[in-house]
Structures are given as C-alpha cells and as structure tokens.
Amino acid sequence: MGVEGSSGGVRRRERLTSEPRGRRVNLSFNDAELEVLRLAAGREGMSPASWAGRQVMAVAQHTLVPVSRDAGDVLRELIAARVHLRETVTALRALAAPGPPAADLPATAADVVARALDAVARVDAATVAVMRERRPRS
C-alpha cells in the first residue's frame, strides 16, 4: 500500500511531483466530532487530515453530495418503497398471466391492489419529505 522511504519506513503515498501545497485550511472539531473523524479515517487507512481533505474536495467537485440524517432515512424509505412496488408489479403480472398462480404470490387481485396503493402512499410521503429537505433554508 505504501512506498518504501529512504529511511526504510513506509510512506503513505508517493511524493507529489507538482508544486507543494502552500494553501491551508484550518478545521476545528469538538472531541466527539474528532473521534468520528478518526474512526472514519482509520477505516480507510488514512490520516484524519487527508480523509477530511478528500471529503471536502469530493463535495466541492460534486462527486459526493452530503445528506442529512433525516434525508438519509427518507432515501432509505424511498428505496424500500421502490422494492415493494417492483414486487407488487411482479405480483400483478403473475395474476394477469395465464396458468397456475405461483406459491409466494397473493391469491387475489384485491390483495395486490391494496399492496400497490400502500406502496404508492409510502413513495408519495417520502417524496414530500425529500422536497421539504431540499427547500432552501434562507
């Protein structure tokens, strides 16, 4: 993973061939935040400063979009609702198909329609929550 240094130790990365980075940004954290940062950096085998720098650049370059905890919960709900809708569509197709019904599918079309309406309501609620989250806070 690292590169052998002249002293025999292992460096984390090769030295940059471009100009040295002379611009600095100071970050301040409380103890709990710093511990979270250290754990995240440790999971990826990085120093806290390099991990934070990589995350900052990813957000600045729009390759990483920060999401609040509430929005994360809403996105998980949307994903679960999409899965449920796909299962419902599969059940509807099976009901419409000729031949014997599959064992794991609901017996009646009314059951499938009730599931579909429930899934649509969940997607609607999650969509409204996402729209609220994305509203400008000015």
C-alpha atoms as a PDB file:
ATOM      1  CA  MET A   1       0.000   0.000   0.000  1.00  0.00           C
ATOM      2  CA  GLY A   2       2.748   2.456   0.886  1.00  0.00           C
ATOM      3  CA  VAL A   3       6.042   3.307  -0.732  1.00  0.00           C
ATOM      4  CA  GLU A   4       9.399   2.474   0.877  1.00  0.00           C
ATOM      5  CA  GLY A   5      11.073   5.619   2.154  1.00  0.00           C
ATOM      6  CA  SER A   6      14.828   6.255   2.100  1.00  0.00           C
ATOM      7  CA  SER A   7      14.980   5.600   5.852  1.00  0.00           C
ATOM      8  CA  GLY A   8      13.373   2.173   5.391  1.00  0.00           C
ATOM      9  CA  GLY A   9       9.987   3.288   6.750  1.00  0.00           C
ATOM     10  CA  VAL A  10       6.793   3.171   4.743  1.00  0.00           C
ATOM     11  CA  ARG A  11       5.247   6.426   3.491  1.00  0.00           C
ATOM     12  CA  ARG A  12       1.516   6.649   2.915  1.00  0.00           C
ATOM     13  CA  ARG A  13       1.737   7.903  -0.670  1.00  0.00           C
ATOM     14  CA  GLU A  14       4.289   8.910  -3.237  1.00  0.00           C
ATOM     15  CA  ARG A  15       5.545  12.458  -3.078  1.00  0.00           C
ATOM     16  CA  LEU A  16       3.763  14.926  -5.314  1.00  0.00           C
ATOM     17  CA  THR A  17       5.677  15.918  -8.421  1.00  0.00           C
ATOM     18  CA  SER A  18       3.699  19.148  -8.728  1.00  0.00           C
ATOM     19  CA  GLU A  19       4.250  22.270  -6.685  1.00  0.00           C
ATOM     20  CA  PRO A  20       3.878  21.857  -2.931  1.00  0.00           C
ATOM     21  CA  ARG A  21       0.503  22.685  -1.465  1.00  0.00           C
ATOM     22  CA  GLY A  22       1.016  26.022   0.243  1.00  0.00           C
ATOM     23  CA  ARG A  23      -2.619  26.854   0.966  1.00  0.00           C
ATOM     24  CA  ARG A  24      -4.006  25.645   4.285  1.00  0.00           C
ATOM     25  CA  VAL A  25      -7.493  25.428   5.725  1.00  0.00           C
ATOM     26  CA  ASN A  26      -7.902  25.084   9.475  1.00  0.00           C
ATOM     27  CA  LEU A  27     -10.720  22.901  10.770  1.00  0.00           C
ATOM     28  CA  SER A  28     -11.987  22.814  14.344  1.00  0.00           C
ATOM     29  CA  PHE A  29     -13.830  19.897  15.936  1.00  0.00           C
ATOM     30  CA  ASN A  30     -15.116  19.076  19.392  1.00  0.00           C
ATOM     31  CA  ASP A  31     -13.971  15.802  20.988  1.00  0.00           C
ATOM     32  CA  ALA A  32     -16.924  13.759  19.705  1.00  0.00           C
ATOM     33  CA  GLU A  33     -16.577  15.063  16.149  1.00  0.00           C
ATOM     34  CA  LEU A  34     -12.842  14.418  16.131  1.00  0.00           C
ATOM     35  CA  GLU A  35     -13.405  10.840  17.297  1.00  0.00           C
ATOM     36  CA  VAL A  36     -15.892  10.273  14.464  1.00  0.00           C
ATOM     37  CA  LEU A  37     -13.355  11.720  12.024  1.00  0.00           C
ATOM     38  CA  ARG A  38     -10.579   9.492  13.369  1.00  0.00           C
ATOM     39  CA  LEU A  39     -12.760   6.379  13.118  1.00  0.00           C
ATOM     40  CA  ALA A  40     -13.790   7.170   9.534  1.00  0.00           C
ATOM     41  CA  ALA A  41     -10.199   7.870   8.515  1.00  0.00           C
ATOM     42  CA  GLY A  42      -8.980   4.736  10.275  1.00  0.00           C
ATOM     43  CA  ARG A  43     -11.476   2.560   8.375  1.00  0.00           C
ATOM     44  CA  GLU A  44      -9.829   3.683   5.148  1.00  0.00           C
ATOM     45  CA  GLY A  45      -6.250   3.624   6.432  1.00  0.00           C
ATOM     46  CA  MET A  46      -5.841   7.393   6.163  1.00  0.00           C
ATOM     47  CA  SER A  47      -4.853  10.173   8.498  1.00  0.00           C
ATOM     48  CA  PRO A  48      -7.754  12.332   9.717  1.00  0.00           C
ATOM     49  CA  ALA A  49      -6.415  15.363   7.804  1.00  0.00           C
ATOM     50  CA  SER A  50      -6.087  13.513   4.500  1.00  0.00           C
ATOM     51  CA  TRP A  51      -9.501  11.872   4.905  1.00  0.00           C
ATOM     52  CA  ALA A  52     -11.147  15.232   5.667  1.00  0.00           C
ATOM     53  CA  GLY A  53      -9.356  16.840   2.710  1.00  0.00           C
ATOM     54  CA  ARG A  54     -10.539  14.102   0.359  1.00  0.00           C
ATOM     55  CA  GLN A  55     -14.144  14.508   1.556  1.00  0.00           C
ATOM     56  CA  VAL A  56     -14.017  18.297   1.215  1.00  0.00           C
ATOM     57  CA  MET A  57     -12.696  18.030  -2.359  1.00  0.00           C
ATOM     58  CA  ALA A  58     -15.329  15.418  -3.254  1.00  0.00           C
ATOM     59  CA  VAL A  59     -18.121  17.709  -2.060  1.00  0.00           C
ATOM     60  CA  ALA A  60     -16.583  20.723  -3.820  1.00  0.00           C
ATOM     61  CA  GLN A  61     -16.294  18.786  -7.094  1.00  0.00           C
ATOM     62  CA  HIS A  62     -19.881  17.463  -6.749  1.00  0.00           C
ATOM     63  CA  THR A  63     -18.740  13.832  -6.663  1.00  0.00           C
ATOM     64  CA  LEU A  64     -20.086  13.458  -3.112  1.00  0.00           C
ATOM     65  CA  VAL A  65     -23.350  15.033  -2.027  1.00  0.00           C
ATOM     66  CA  PRO A  66     -23.725  15.444   1.734  1.00  0.00           C
ATOM     67  CA  VAL A  67     -27.053  14.198   3.051  1.00  0.00           C
ATOM     68  CA  SER A  68     -28.538  14.947   6.456  1.00  0.00           C
ATOM     69  CA  ARG A  69     -29.531  12.062   8.719  1.00  0.00           C
ATOM     70  CA  ASP A  70     -33.228  12.807   8.097  1.00  0.00           C
ATOM     71  CA  ALA A  71     -32.717  12.823   4.337  1.00  0.00           C
ATOM     72  CA  GLY A  72     -30.809   9.545   4.619  1.00  0.00           C
ATOM     73  CA  ASP A  73     -33.793   7.992   6.399  1.00  0.00           C
ATOM     74  CA  VAL A  74     -36.109   9.315   3.703  1.00  0.00           C
ATOM     75  CA  LEU A  75     -33.876   7.945   0.941  1.00  0.00           C
ATOM     76  CA  ARG A  76     -33.845   4.517   2.618  1.00  0.00           C
ATOM     77  CA  GLU A  77     -37.650   4.651   2.778  1.00  0.00           C
ATOM     78  CA  LEU A  78     -37.832   5.557  -0.918  1.00  0.00           C
ATOM     79  CA  ILE A  79     -35.557   2.644  -1.807  1.00  0.00           C
ATOM     80  CA  ALA A  80     -37.653   0.241   0.276  1.00  0.00           C
ATOM     81  CA  ALA A  81     -40.833   1.569  -1.357  1.00  0.00           C
ATOM     82  CA  ARG A  82     -39.344   1.075  -4.834  1.00  0.00           C
ATOM     83  CA  VAL A  83     -38.518  -2.529  -3.966  1.00  0.00           C
ATOM     84  CA  HIS A  84     -42.066  -3.022  -2.684  1.00  0.00           C
ATOM     85  CA  LEU A  85     -43.519  -1.523  -5.868  1.00  0.00           C
ATOM     86  CA  ARG A  86     -41.393  -3.837  -8.026  1.00  0.00           C
ATOM     87  CA  GLU A  87     -42.639  -6.841  -6.036  1.00  0.00           C
ATOM     88  CA  THR A  88     -46.205  -5.593  -6.473  1.00  0.00           C
ATOM     89  CA  VAL A  89     -45.751  -5.217 -10.234  1.00  0.00           C
ATOM     90  CA  THR A  90     -44.392  -8.771 -10.359  1.00  0.00           C
ATOM     91  CA  ALA A  91     -47.459  -9.987  -8.464  1.00  0.00           C
ATOM     92  CA  LEU A  92     -49.792  -8.090 -10.816  1.00  0.00           C
ATOM     93  CA  ARG A  93     -48.067  -9.592 -13.851  1.00  0.00           C
ATOM     94  CA  ALA A  94     -48.395 -13.060 -12.329  1.00  0.00           C
ATOM     95  CA  LEU A  95     -52.121 -12.513 -11.739  1.00  0.00           C
ATOM     96  CA  ALA A  96     -52.571 -11.386 -15.330  1.00  0.00           C
ATOM     97  CA  ALA A  97     -50.568 -14.293 -16.761  1.00  0.00           C
ATOM     98  CA  PRO A  98     -52.394 -17.474 -17.784  1.00  0.00           C
ATOM     99  CA  GLY A  99     -51.627 -20.635 -15.834  1.00  0.00           C
ATOM    100  CA  PRO A 100     -51.461 -21.695 -12.197  1.00  0.00           C
ATOM    101  CA  PRO A 101     -50.547 -18.984  -9.645  1.00  0.00           C
ATOM    102  CA  ALA A 102     -47.133 -19.050  -8.012  1.00  0.00           C
ATOM    103  CA  ALA A 103     -46.957 -20.171  -4.381  1.00  0.00           C
ATOM    104  CA  ASP A 104     -45.421 -16.980  -2.937  1.00  0.00           C
ATOM    105  CA  LEU A 105     -47.847 -14.534  -4.575  1.00  0.00           C
ATOM    106  CA  PRO A 106     -51.097 -13.224  -3.048  1.00  0.00           C
ATOM    107  CA  ALA A 107     -54.238 -15.088  -4.001  1.00  0.00           C
ATOM    108  CA  THR A 108     -56.446 -12.230  -5.139  1.00  0.00           C
ATOM    109  CA  ALA A 109     -56.127  -9.132  -7.227  1.00  0.00           C
ATOM    110  CA  ALA A 110     -57.629  -7.125  -4.338  1.00  0.00           C
ATOM    111  CA  ASP A 111     -54.635  -8.056  -2.142  1.00  0.00           C
ATOM    112  CA  VAL A 112     -52.202  -6.938  -4.836  1.00  0.00           C
ATOM    113  CA  VAL A 113     -54.057  -3.670  -5.432  1.00  0.00           C
ATOM    114  CA  ALA A 114     -54.083  -2.948  -1.673  1.00  0.00           C
ATOM    115  CA  ARG A 115     -50.309  -3.540  -1.559  1.00  0.00           C
ATOM    116  CA  ALA A 116     -49.794  -1.287  -4.573  1.00  0.00           C
ATOM    117  CA  LEU A 117     -51.842   1.535  -3.043  1.00  0.00           C
ATOM    118  CA  ASP A 118     -49.888   1.221   0.216  1.00  0.00           C
ATOM    119  CA  ALA A 119     -46.566   1.366  -1.648  1.00  0.00           C
ATOM    120  CA  VAL A 120     -47.670   4.397  -3.675  1.00  0.00           C
ATOM    121  CA  ALA A 121     -48.693   6.194  -0.465  1.00  0.00           C
ATOM    122  CA  ARG A 122     -45.255   5.458   1.047  1.00  0.00           C
ATOM    123  CA  VAL A 123     -43.487   6.796  -2.052  1.00  0.00           C
ATOM    124  CA  ASP A 124     -45.683   9.913  -2.006  1.00  0.00           C
ATOM    125  CA  ALA A 125     -44.891  10.590   1.665  1.00  0.00           C
ATOM    126  CA  ALA A 126     -41.166  10.069   1.134  1.00  0.00           C
ATOM    127  CA  THR A 127     -41.192  12.314  -1.932  1.00  0.00           C
ATOM    128  CA  VAL A 128     -42.846  15.134   0.028  1.00  0.00           C
ATOM    129  CA  ALA A 129     -40.218  14.716   2.763  1.00  0.00           C
ATOM    130  CA  VAL A 130     -37.394  14.931   0.202  1.00  0.00           C
ATOM    131  CA  MET A 131     -38.931  18.062  -1.306  1.00  0.00           C
ATOM    132  CA  ARG A 132     -39.083  19.645   2.174  1.00  0.00           C
ATOM    133  CA  GLU A 133     -35.436  18.702   2.816  1.00  0.00           C
ATOM    134  CA  ARG A 134     -34.278  20.262  -0.461  1.00  0.00           C
ATOM    135  CA  ARG A 135     -36.060  23.575   0.149  1.00  0.00           C
ATOM    136  CA  PRO A 136     -33.643  26.491   0.614  1.00  0.00           C
ATOM    137  CA  ARG A 137     -33.297  27.458   4.254  1.00  0.00           C
ATOM    138  CA  SER A 138     -32.861  31.196   3.730  1.00  0.00           C
END
